[in-house]
Structure formats: structure tokens, C-alpha cells
Amino acid sequence: MVDVIDSPASDRIENVVGPTASFIGDLKCDGGVRIDGVFEGSVETMGNVIIGETAKVVADIVGRNVSISGAVKGNVSATGRLEILSTGLLWGNIEVTSFLIDEGGIFSGRSEMPVEFEPLLIAGEKEPEKLPEGKADEGEDAAIG
């Protein structure tokens, strides 16, 4: 019998705010976080974040994968996946690699998904002008001819 856990520490839920608890402040940790109560502040972890169905959260959340079944007001940044389940409510902007929203889930905000490639062009659309090598675009959008 093997006693070694194959998953990294960030996969385990190490920090819990239970359904009868209230927390005000900033939570920074490496392991997973589960919130079922009232939470106000911010959450920053290398692990996963689970917002339970009974949770009421007013916080910005940074984590690997974020699952929302309760109510969240705040911005979410996930290096992995954001899931808003059928009972989940999210009011805030998101920056995620992958996004799933179940039927019944609510999302109100702006979404951004960083990509490493340019979008495919529509037939007949001209290619964007490329900047000469070594020159930054200094925050301006590339001109489309």
C-alpha cells in the first residue's frame, strides 16, 4: 500500500471558511481554499478556490482553478479554469485561461482570455501592419490597413 499522495499541496483544500463563519481580511496561501460562509477582502493562492453554494463573497480572487456555486462580487484571475456552476453568481471582471458557465449561472462583467496567437482573419480582411522589429507599439493598437 502506498502512503504518498500524488497530487501537489495546491490541489488539497487546506483553508476553509465554514458556513457559519465570517472573515474580513486578506487571505494569502499556497494550498486550496474553500469558502462556504461570508468572506470580505481578497484571496490569493497558488491552489484551487471553491466558493460553496452558501457563500457570500466580496473579494478579488486569484488562484489556479476557481469554482463558484455561491455569490461573488469581485474580480477573478485564474491561471487555469473558472467555473460558474448553475447556482453561481459572479459580478466582476475575469482574466482566465478557460471559462465554463453552467445553465442558470450568472456572470456580469468583462472577460479576458490571454492568448499567444493572433485571431484568424476573415476572408478579404487585410492583415494588420507589423511593427519593425525592436519597436514597441507604446500602448497603441496596431493599425489595420
N, C-alpha and C. Protein backbone atom coordinates (compact mmCIF):
# COMPACT_ATOMS: atom_id res chain seq x y z
N MET A 1 0.84 -1.18 0.00
CA MET A 1 0.00 0.00 0.00
C MET A 1 0.88 1.24 0.00
N VAL A 2 0.52 2.24 -0.83
CA VAL A 2 1.31 3.45 -0.96
C VAL A 2 0.68 4.56 -0.13
N ASP A 3 1.50 5.24 0.69
CA ASP A 3 1.01 6.32 1.54
C ASP A 3 1.26 7.70 0.95
N VAL A 4 1.85 7.75 -0.22
CA VAL A 4 2.21 9.02 -0.84
C VAL A 4 1.01 9.57 -1.61
N ILE A 5 0.74 10.84 -1.41
CA ILE A 5 -0.33 11.50 -2.17
C ILE A 5 0.29 12.04 -3.45
N ASP A 6 -0.28 11.65 -4.59
CA ASP A 6 0.27 12.05 -5.88
C ASP A 6 0.02 13.51 -6.22
N SER A 7 -1.06 14.10 -5.73
CA SER A 7 -1.38 15.47 -6.11
C SER A 7 -0.56 16.46 -5.28
N PRO A 8 -0.20 17.60 -5.89
CA PRO A 8 0.56 18.60 -5.14
C PRO A 8 -0.30 19.23 -4.05
N ALA A 9 0.35 19.90 -3.12
CA ALA A 9 -0.35 20.51 -1.99
C ALA A 9 -1.42 21.49 -2.44
N SER A 10 -1.22 22.14 -3.59
CA SER A 10 -2.18 23.14 -4.05
C SER A 10 -3.50 22.51 -4.48
N ASP A 11 -3.55 21.19 -4.66
CA ASP A 11 -4.80 20.51 -5.01
C ASP A 11 -5.66 20.22 -3.78
N ARG A 12 -5.04 20.17 -2.62
CA ARG A 12 -5.77 19.86 -1.39
C ARG A 12 -6.40 21.11 -0.80
N ILE A 13 -7.57 20.95 -0.22
CA ILE A 13 -8.22 22.06 0.47
C ILE A 13 -7.60 22.15 1.86
N GLU A 14 -6.83 23.20 2.09
CA GLU A 14 -6.14 23.39 3.36
C GLU A 14 -6.74 24.51 4.18
N ASN A 15 -7.55 25.36 3.57
CA ASN A 15 -8.08 26.54 4.23
C ASN A 15 -9.58 26.61 4.00
N VAL A 16 -10.36 26.63 5.09
CA VAL A 16 -11.82 26.58 4.97
C VAL A 16 -12.44 27.70 5.81
N VAL A 17 -13.37 28.42 5.19
CA VAL A 17 -14.25 29.34 5.91
C VAL A 17 -15.61 28.67 5.87
N GLY A 18 -16.02 28.11 7.01
CA GLY A 18 -17.24 27.31 7.08
C GLY A 18 -18.50 28.12 6.92
N PRO A 19 -19.65 27.44 6.78
CA PRO A 19 -20.91 28.11 6.50
C PRO A 19 -21.40 29.05 7.61
N THR A 20 -20.93 28.87 8.84
CA THR A 20 -21.35 29.75 9.94
C THR A 20 -20.29 30.80 10.26
N ALA A 21 -19.22 30.85 9.47
CA ALA A 21 -18.11 31.77 9.74
C ALA A 21 -18.17 33.01 8.87
N SER A 22 -17.63 34.11 9.41
CA SER A 22 -17.43 35.36 8.66
C SER A 22 -15.96 35.71 8.75
N PHE A 23 -15.40 36.16 7.64
CA PHE A 23 -13.98 36.52 7.59
C PHE A 23 -13.85 37.85 6.87
N ILE A 24 -13.11 38.78 7.48
CA ILE A 24 -12.79 40.05 6.83
C ILE A 24 -11.28 40.18 6.84
N GLY A 25 -10.70 40.30 5.65
CA GLY A 25 -9.26 40.44 5.55
C GLY A 25 -8.73 39.85 4.27
N ASP A 26 -7.42 39.74 4.19
CA ASP A 26 -6.75 39.22 3.01
C ASP A 26 -6.18 37.85 3.33
N LEU A 27 -6.50 36.87 2.50
CA LEU A 27 -6.01 35.51 2.69
C LEU A 27 -5.00 35.20 1.59
N LYS A 28 -3.75 34.91 1.98
CA LYS A 28 -2.70 34.52 1.05
C LYS A 28 -2.17 33.17 1.50
N CYS A 29 -2.13 32.21 0.57
CA CYS A 29 -1.66 30.87 0.92
C CYS A 29 -1.22 30.13 -0.33
N ASP A 30 -0.64 28.95 -0.14
CA ASP A 30 -0.23 28.11 -1.27
C ASP A 30 -1.25 27.03 -1.58
N GLY A 31 -1.99 26.57 -0.58
CA GLY A 31 -2.92 25.46 -0.75
C GLY A 31 -4.30 25.91 -1.19
N GLY A 32 -5.17 24.93 -1.37
CA GLY A 32 -6.54 25.19 -1.80
C GLY A 32 -7.36 25.88 -0.73
N VAL A 33 -8.40 26.61 -1.19
CA VAL A 33 -9.27 27.37 -0.32
C VAL A 33 -10.72 27.01 -0.62
N ARG A 34 -11.51 26.81 0.43
CA ARG A 34 -12.95 26.61 0.28
C ARG A 34 -13.66 27.61 1.16
N ILE A 35 -14.62 28.33 0.56
CA ILE A 35 -15.40 29.31 1.32
C ILE A 35 -16.87 28.93 1.22
N ASP A 36 -17.50 28.73 2.38
CA ASP A 36 -18.92 28.43 2.45
C ASP A 36 -19.67 29.50 3.24
N GLY A 37 -18.94 30.39 3.90
CA GLY A 37 -19.56 31.43 4.72
C GLY A 37 -19.46 32.79 4.07
N VAL A 38 -19.33 33.82 4.90
CA VAL A 38 -19.23 35.20 4.44
C VAL A 38 -17.75 35.59 4.43
N PHE A 39 -17.29 36.14 3.32
CA PHE A 39 -15.87 36.49 3.17
C PHE A 39 -15.79 37.86 2.51
N GLU A 40 -14.99 38.77 3.11
CA GLU A 40 -14.79 40.09 2.54
C GLU A 40 -13.31 40.41 2.59
N GLY A 41 -12.74 40.78 1.44
CA GLY A 41 -11.32 41.10 1.38
C GLY A 41 -10.71 40.65 0.07
N SER A 42 -9.72 39.75 0.15
CA SER A 42 -9.10 39.20 -1.05
C SER A 42 -8.57 37.80 -0.76
N VAL A 43 -8.52 36.99 -1.83
CA VAL A 43 -7.97 35.63 -1.75
C VAL A 43 -6.90 35.51 -2.81
N GLU A 44 -5.71 35.07 -2.40
CA GLU A 44 -4.62 34.85 -3.33
C GLU A 44 -3.94 33.53 -2.98
N THR A 45 -3.98 32.59 -3.92
CA THR A 45 -3.39 31.28 -3.67
C THR A 45 -2.82 30.70 -4.96
N MET A 46 -1.87 29.79 -4.79
CA MET A 46 -1.35 29.03 -5.92
C MET A 46 -2.26 27.84 -6.21
N GLY A 47 -3.17 27.57 -5.30
CA GLY A 47 -4.05 26.41 -5.41
C GLY A 47 -5.41 26.76 -5.98
N ASN A 48 -6.35 25.84 -5.76
CA ASN A 48 -7.71 25.98 -6.25
C ASN A 48 -8.57 26.71 -5.23
N VAL A 49 -9.61 27.39 -5.72
CA VAL A 49 -10.55 28.10 -4.86
C VAL A 49 -11.95 27.57 -5.16
N ILE A 50 -12.65 27.15 -4.11
CA ILE A 50 -14.02 26.68 -4.24
C ILE A 50 -14.92 27.61 -3.43
N ILE A 51 -15.89 28.19 -4.11
CA ILE A 51 -16.88 29.04 -3.45
C ILE A 51 -18.16 28.21 -3.38
N GLY A 52 -18.52 27.78 -2.17
CA GLY A 52 -19.67 26.90 -1.97
C GLY A 52 -21.00 27.61 -2.19
N GLU A 53 -22.05 26.83 -2.28
CA GLU A 53 -23.39 27.33 -2.59
C GLU A 53 -23.90 28.34 -1.56
N THR A 54 -23.50 28.20 -0.30
CA THR A 54 -23.99 29.10 0.76
C THR A 54 -23.10 30.33 0.94
N ALA A 55 -22.03 30.45 0.17
CA ALA A 55 -21.05 31.53 0.35
C ALA A 55 -21.56 32.86 -0.19
N LYS A 56 -21.16 33.92 0.52
CA LYS A 56 -21.37 35.30 0.09
C LYS A 56 -20.01 35.97 0.17
N VAL A 57 -19.42 36.26 -0.99
CA VAL A 57 -18.05 36.73 -1.06
C VAL A 57 -17.99 38.10 -1.74
N VAL A 58 -17.32 39.04 -1.09
CA VAL A 58 -16.99 40.33 -1.70
C VAL A 58 -15.47 40.40 -1.66
N ALA A 59 -14.84 39.97 -2.74
CA ALA A 59 -13.38 39.87 -2.75
C ALA A 59 -12.87 39.66 -4.16
N ASP A 60 -11.64 40.12 -4.39
CA ASP A 60 -10.92 39.74 -5.59
C ASP A 60 -10.28 38.39 -5.31
N ILE A 61 -10.32 37.50 -6.31
CA ILE A 61 -9.83 36.14 -6.14
C ILE A 61 -8.77 35.86 -7.19
N VAL A 62 -7.61 35.35 -6.73
CA VAL A 62 -6.54 34.91 -7.60
C VAL A 62 -6.22 33.48 -7.23
N GLY A 63 -6.26 32.57 -8.21
CA GLY A 63 -5.97 31.17 -7.94
C GLY A 63 -5.71 30.42 -9.23
N ARG A 64 -5.50 29.12 -9.08
CA ARG A 64 -5.28 28.29 -10.25
C ARG A 64 -6.60 27.99 -10.93
N ASN A 65 -7.46 27.20 -10.29
CA ASN A 65 -8.80 26.91 -10.78
C ASN A 65 -9.78 27.47 -9.77
N VAL A 66 -10.85 28.10 -10.25
CA VAL A 66 -11.85 28.71 -9.37
C VAL A 66 -13.22 28.15 -9.74
N SER A 67 -13.93 27.65 -8.74
CA SER A 67 -15.28 27.11 -8.94
C SER A 67 -16.24 27.90 -8.07
N ILE A 68 -17.30 28.44 -8.70
CA ILE A 68 -18.24 29.29 -7.97
C ILE A 68 -19.64 28.68 -8.00
N SER A 69 -20.15 28.35 -6.81
CA SER A 69 -21.53 27.89 -6.64
C SER A 69 -22.35 28.90 -5.87
N GLY A 70 -21.70 29.81 -5.17
CA GLY A 70 -22.38 30.83 -4.37
C GLY A 70 -22.32 32.18 -5.06
N ALA A 71 -22.34 33.26 -4.27
CA ALA A 71 -22.36 34.62 -4.80
C ALA A 71 -21.01 35.29 -4.58
N VAL A 72 -20.47 35.87 -5.65
CA VAL A 72 -19.18 36.57 -5.59
C VAL A 72 -19.31 37.93 -6.26
N LYS A 73 -18.83 38.96 -5.55
CA LYS A 73 -18.71 40.29 -6.14
C LYS A 73 -17.24 40.66 -6.04
N GLY A 74 -16.57 40.67 -7.19
CA GLY A 74 -15.15 40.96 -7.23
C GLY A 74 -14.54 40.39 -8.50
N ASN A 75 -13.31 40.74 -8.76
CA ASN A 75 -12.61 40.27 -9.95
C ASN A 75 -11.98 38.91 -9.69
N VAL A 76 -11.94 38.08 -10.74
CA VAL A 76 -11.36 36.74 -10.63
C VAL A 76 -10.26 36.59 -11.66
N SER A 77 -9.10 36.12 -11.21
CA SER A 77 -7.98 35.81 -12.08
C SER A 77 -7.58 34.37 -11.83
N ALA A 78 -7.66 33.54 -12.88
CA ALA A 78 -7.33 32.12 -12.74
C ALA A 78 -6.33 31.72 -13.82
N THR A 79 -5.24 31.09 -13.40
CA THR A 79 -4.26 30.61 -14.38
C THR A 79 -4.78 29.36 -15.08
N GLY A 80 -5.79 28.74 -14.51
CA GLY A 80 -6.42 27.57 -15.12
C GLY A 80 -7.84 27.89 -15.55
N ARG A 81 -8.81 27.26 -14.90
CA ARG A 81 -10.20 27.33 -15.32
C ARG A 81 -11.07 28.04 -14.29
N LEU A 82 -12.02 28.81 -14.78
CA LEU A 82 -13.07 29.39 -13.95
C LEU A 82 -14.36 28.67 -14.32
N GLU A 83 -15.05 28.13 -13.30
CA GLU A 83 -16.35 27.50 -13.49
C GLU A 83 -17.38 28.26 -12.67
N ILE A 84 -18.46 28.66 -13.32
CA ILE A 84 -19.61 29.20 -12.60
C ILE A 84 -20.70 28.15 -12.74
N LEU A 85 -21.02 27.50 -11.64
CA LEU A 85 -22.00 26.42 -11.66
C LEU A 85 -23.41 26.98 -11.68
N SER A 86 -24.42 26.13 -11.79
CA SER A 86 -25.80 26.57 -12.00
C SER A 86 -26.33 27.48 -10.90
N THR A 87 -25.81 27.37 -9.69
CA THR A 87 -26.25 28.24 -8.59
C THR A 87 -25.29 29.41 -8.37
N GLY A 88 -24.26 29.50 -9.20
CA GLY A 88 -23.23 30.52 -9.02
C GLY A 88 -23.60 31.86 -9.61
N LEU A 89 -23.14 32.91 -8.93
CA LEU A 89 -23.36 34.30 -9.37
C LEU A 89 -22.03 35.02 -9.27
N LEU A 90 -21.63 35.71 -10.33
CA LEU A 90 -20.38 36.46 -10.31
C LEU A 90 -20.60 37.84 -10.91
N TRP A 91 -20.33 38.88 -10.11
CA TRP A 91 -20.35 40.25 -10.58
C TRP A 91 -18.92 40.75 -10.49
N GLY A 92 -18.25 40.84 -11.64
CA GLY A 92 -16.87 41.31 -11.66
C GLY A 92 -16.19 40.90 -12.94
N ASN A 93 -15.02 41.42 -13.16
CA ASN A 93 -14.25 41.12 -14.36
C ASN A 93 -13.42 39.86 -14.13
N ILE A 94 -13.16 39.15 -15.22
CA ILE A 94 -12.38 37.92 -15.11
C ILE A 94 -11.22 37.93 -16.11
N GLU A 95 -10.12 37.33 -15.70
CA GLU A 95 -8.99 37.06 -16.58
C GLU A 95 -8.63 35.60 -16.34
N VAL A 96 -8.97 34.76 -17.32
CA VAL A 96 -8.84 33.31 -17.14
C VAL A 96 -8.32 32.66 -18.41
N THR A 97 -7.79 31.46 -18.26
CA THR A 97 -7.33 30.69 -19.41
C THR A 97 -8.49 29.90 -20.02
N SER A 98 -9.41 29.43 -19.16
CA SER A 98 -10.55 28.63 -19.60
C SER A 98 -11.77 29.04 -18.78
N PHE A 99 -12.95 29.07 -19.43
CA PHE A 99 -14.15 29.57 -18.76
C PHE A 99 -15.33 28.68 -19.09
N LEU A 100 -16.05 28.25 -18.04
CA LEU A 100 -17.24 27.41 -18.20
C LEU A 100 -18.33 27.99 -17.33
N ILE A 101 -19.52 28.16 -17.91
CA ILE A 101 -20.66 28.61 -17.13
C ILE A 101 -21.82 27.66 -17.40
N ASP A 102 -22.33 27.08 -16.32
CA ASP A 102 -23.46 26.16 -16.43
C ASP A 102 -24.75 26.94 -16.66
N GLU A 103 -25.74 26.27 -17.24
CA GLU A 103 -27.05 26.88 -17.42
C GLU A 103 -27.59 27.27 -16.05
N GLY A 104 -28.05 28.50 -15.92
CA GLY A 104 -28.53 29.01 -14.64
C GLY A 104 -27.50 29.86 -13.92
N GLY A 105 -26.23 29.68 -14.23
CA GLY A 105 -25.18 30.50 -13.64
C GLY A 105 -25.25 31.92 -14.19
N ILE A 106 -24.81 32.89 -13.39
CA ILE A 106 -24.90 34.29 -13.79
C ILE A 106 -23.51 34.91 -13.75
N PHE A 107 -23.16 35.62 -14.82
CA PHE A 107 -21.90 36.35 -14.90
C PHE A 107 -22.20 37.74 -15.45
N SER A 108 -21.76 38.76 -14.73
CA SER A 108 -21.91 40.13 -15.19
C SER A 108 -20.56 40.81 -15.04
N GLY A 109 -19.94 41.10 -16.16
CA GLY A 109 -18.62 41.73 -16.12
C GLY A 109 -17.94 41.60 -17.46
N ARG A 110 -16.66 41.89 -17.47
CA ARG A 110 -15.84 41.83 -18.67
C ARG A 110 -14.92 40.62 -18.56
N SER A 111 -14.71 39.93 -19.67
CA SER A 111 -13.83 38.76 -19.63
C SER A 111 -12.63 38.98 -20.55
N GLU A 112 -11.50 38.44 -20.11
CA GLU A 112 -10.29 38.48 -20.91
C GLU A 112 -9.62 37.12 -20.80
N MET A 113 -9.27 36.59 -21.97
CA MET A 113 -8.58 35.31 -22.01
C MET A 113 -7.28 35.52 -22.78
N PRO A 114 -6.16 35.55 -22.09
CA PRO A 114 -4.89 35.77 -22.78
C PRO A 114 -4.60 34.64 -23.77
N VAL A 115 -4.16 35.02 -24.96
CA VAL A 115 -3.82 34.04 -25.98
C VAL A 115 -2.44 34.35 -26.53
N GLU A 116 -1.81 33.34 -27.08
CA GLU A 116 -0.46 33.51 -27.61
C GLU A 116 -0.44 33.61 -29.12
N PHE A 117 -1.60 33.77 -29.76
CA PHE A 117 -1.65 33.84 -31.21
C PHE A 117 -2.67 34.88 -31.64
N GLU A 118 -2.54 35.35 -32.87
CA GLU A 118 -3.48 36.31 -33.42
C GLU A 118 -4.72 35.57 -33.92
N PRO A 119 -5.88 36.22 -33.88
CA PRO A 119 -7.09 35.59 -34.39
C PRO A 119 -7.01 35.36 -35.88
N LEU A 120 -7.73 34.36 -36.36
CA LEU A 120 -7.78 34.11 -37.80
C LEU A 120 -8.48 35.28 -38.47
N LEU A 121 -8.02 35.61 -39.64
CA LEU A 121 -8.60 36.73 -40.37
C LEU A 121 -9.80 36.27 -41.19
N ILE A 122 -10.77 37.14 -41.32
CA ILE A 122 -11.94 36.87 -42.15
C ILE A 122 -11.51 37.07 -43.60
N ALA A 123 -12.03 36.26 -44.51
CA ALA A 123 -11.68 36.35 -45.92
C ALA A 123 -11.85 37.78 -46.42
N GLY A 124 -10.84 38.30 -47.08
CA GLY A 124 -10.90 39.65 -47.62
C GLY A 124 -10.39 40.71 -46.66
N GLU A 125 -10.21 40.38 -45.40
CA GLU A 125 -9.70 41.34 -44.43
C GLU A 125 -8.19 41.46 -44.60
N LYS A 126 -7.70 42.69 -44.56
CA LYS A 126 -6.26 42.90 -44.70
C LYS A 126 -5.56 42.52 -43.41
N GLU A 127 -4.32 42.07 -43.57
CA GLU A 127 -3.52 41.72 -42.40
C GLU A 127 -3.10 42.99 -41.67
N PRO A 128 -3.04 42.94 -40.32
CA PRO A 128 -2.56 44.11 -39.58
C PRO A 128 -1.12 44.42 -39.94
N GLU A 129 -0.80 45.72 -39.94
CA GLU A 129 0.58 46.10 -40.20
C GLU A 129 1.45 45.63 -39.05
N LYS A 130 2.64 45.14 -39.40
CA LYS A 130 3.55 44.69 -38.37
C LYS A 130 4.54 45.81 -38.06
N LEU A 131 4.88 45.93 -36.80
CA LEU A 131 5.86 46.93 -36.39
C LEU A 131 7.25 46.46 -36.75
N PRO A 132 8.13 47.39 -37.08
CA PRO A 132 9.52 46.98 -37.32
C PRO A 132 10.08 46.32 -36.07
N GLU A 133 10.93 45.33 -36.26
CA GLU A 133 11.49 44.61 -35.11
C GLU A 133 12.20 45.58 -34.18
N GLY A 134 12.03 45.33 -32.88
CA GLY A 134 12.70 46.13 -31.88
C GLY A 134 11.92 47.36 -31.45
N LYS A 135 10.76 47.63 -32.09
CA LYS A 135 9.97 48.79 -31.70
C LYS A 135 8.69 48.33 -31.04
N ALA A 136 8.42 48.89 -29.88
CA ALA A 136 7.18 48.58 -29.17
C ALA A 136 6.07 49.46 -29.72
N ASP A 137 4.85 49.00 -29.58
CA ASP A 137 3.74 49.80 -30.09
C ASP A 137 3.30 50.87 -29.09
N GLU A 138 3.96 50.98 -27.97
CA GLU A 138 3.74 52.00 -26.96
C GLU A 138 2.28 52.13 -26.58
N GLY A 139 1.60 51.00 -26.42
CA GLY A 139 0.23 51.00 -25.93
C GLY A 139 -0.83 51.27 -26.97
N GLU A 140 -0.45 51.60 -28.19
CA GLU A 140 -1.45 51.86 -29.22
C GLU A 140 -1.76 50.59 -29.97
N ASP A 141 -2.98 50.47 -30.44
CA ASP A 141 -3.37 49.31 -31.23
C ASP A 141 -2.65 49.33 -32.56
N ALA A 142 -2.31 48.15 -33.07
CA ALA A 142 -1.69 48.05 -34.38
C ALA A 142 -2.69 48.53 -35.42
N ALA A 143 -2.22 49.30 -36.38
CA ALA A 143 -3.12 49.82 -37.41
C ALA A 143 -3.54 48.71 -38.35
N ILE A 144 -4.79 48.77 -38.74
CA ILE A 144 -5.30 47.81 -39.72
C ILE A 144 -5.56 48.60 -40.99
N GLY A 145 -4.89 48.20 -42.07
CA GLY A 145 -4.96 48.96 -43.32
C GLY A 145 -6.18 48.76 -44.12
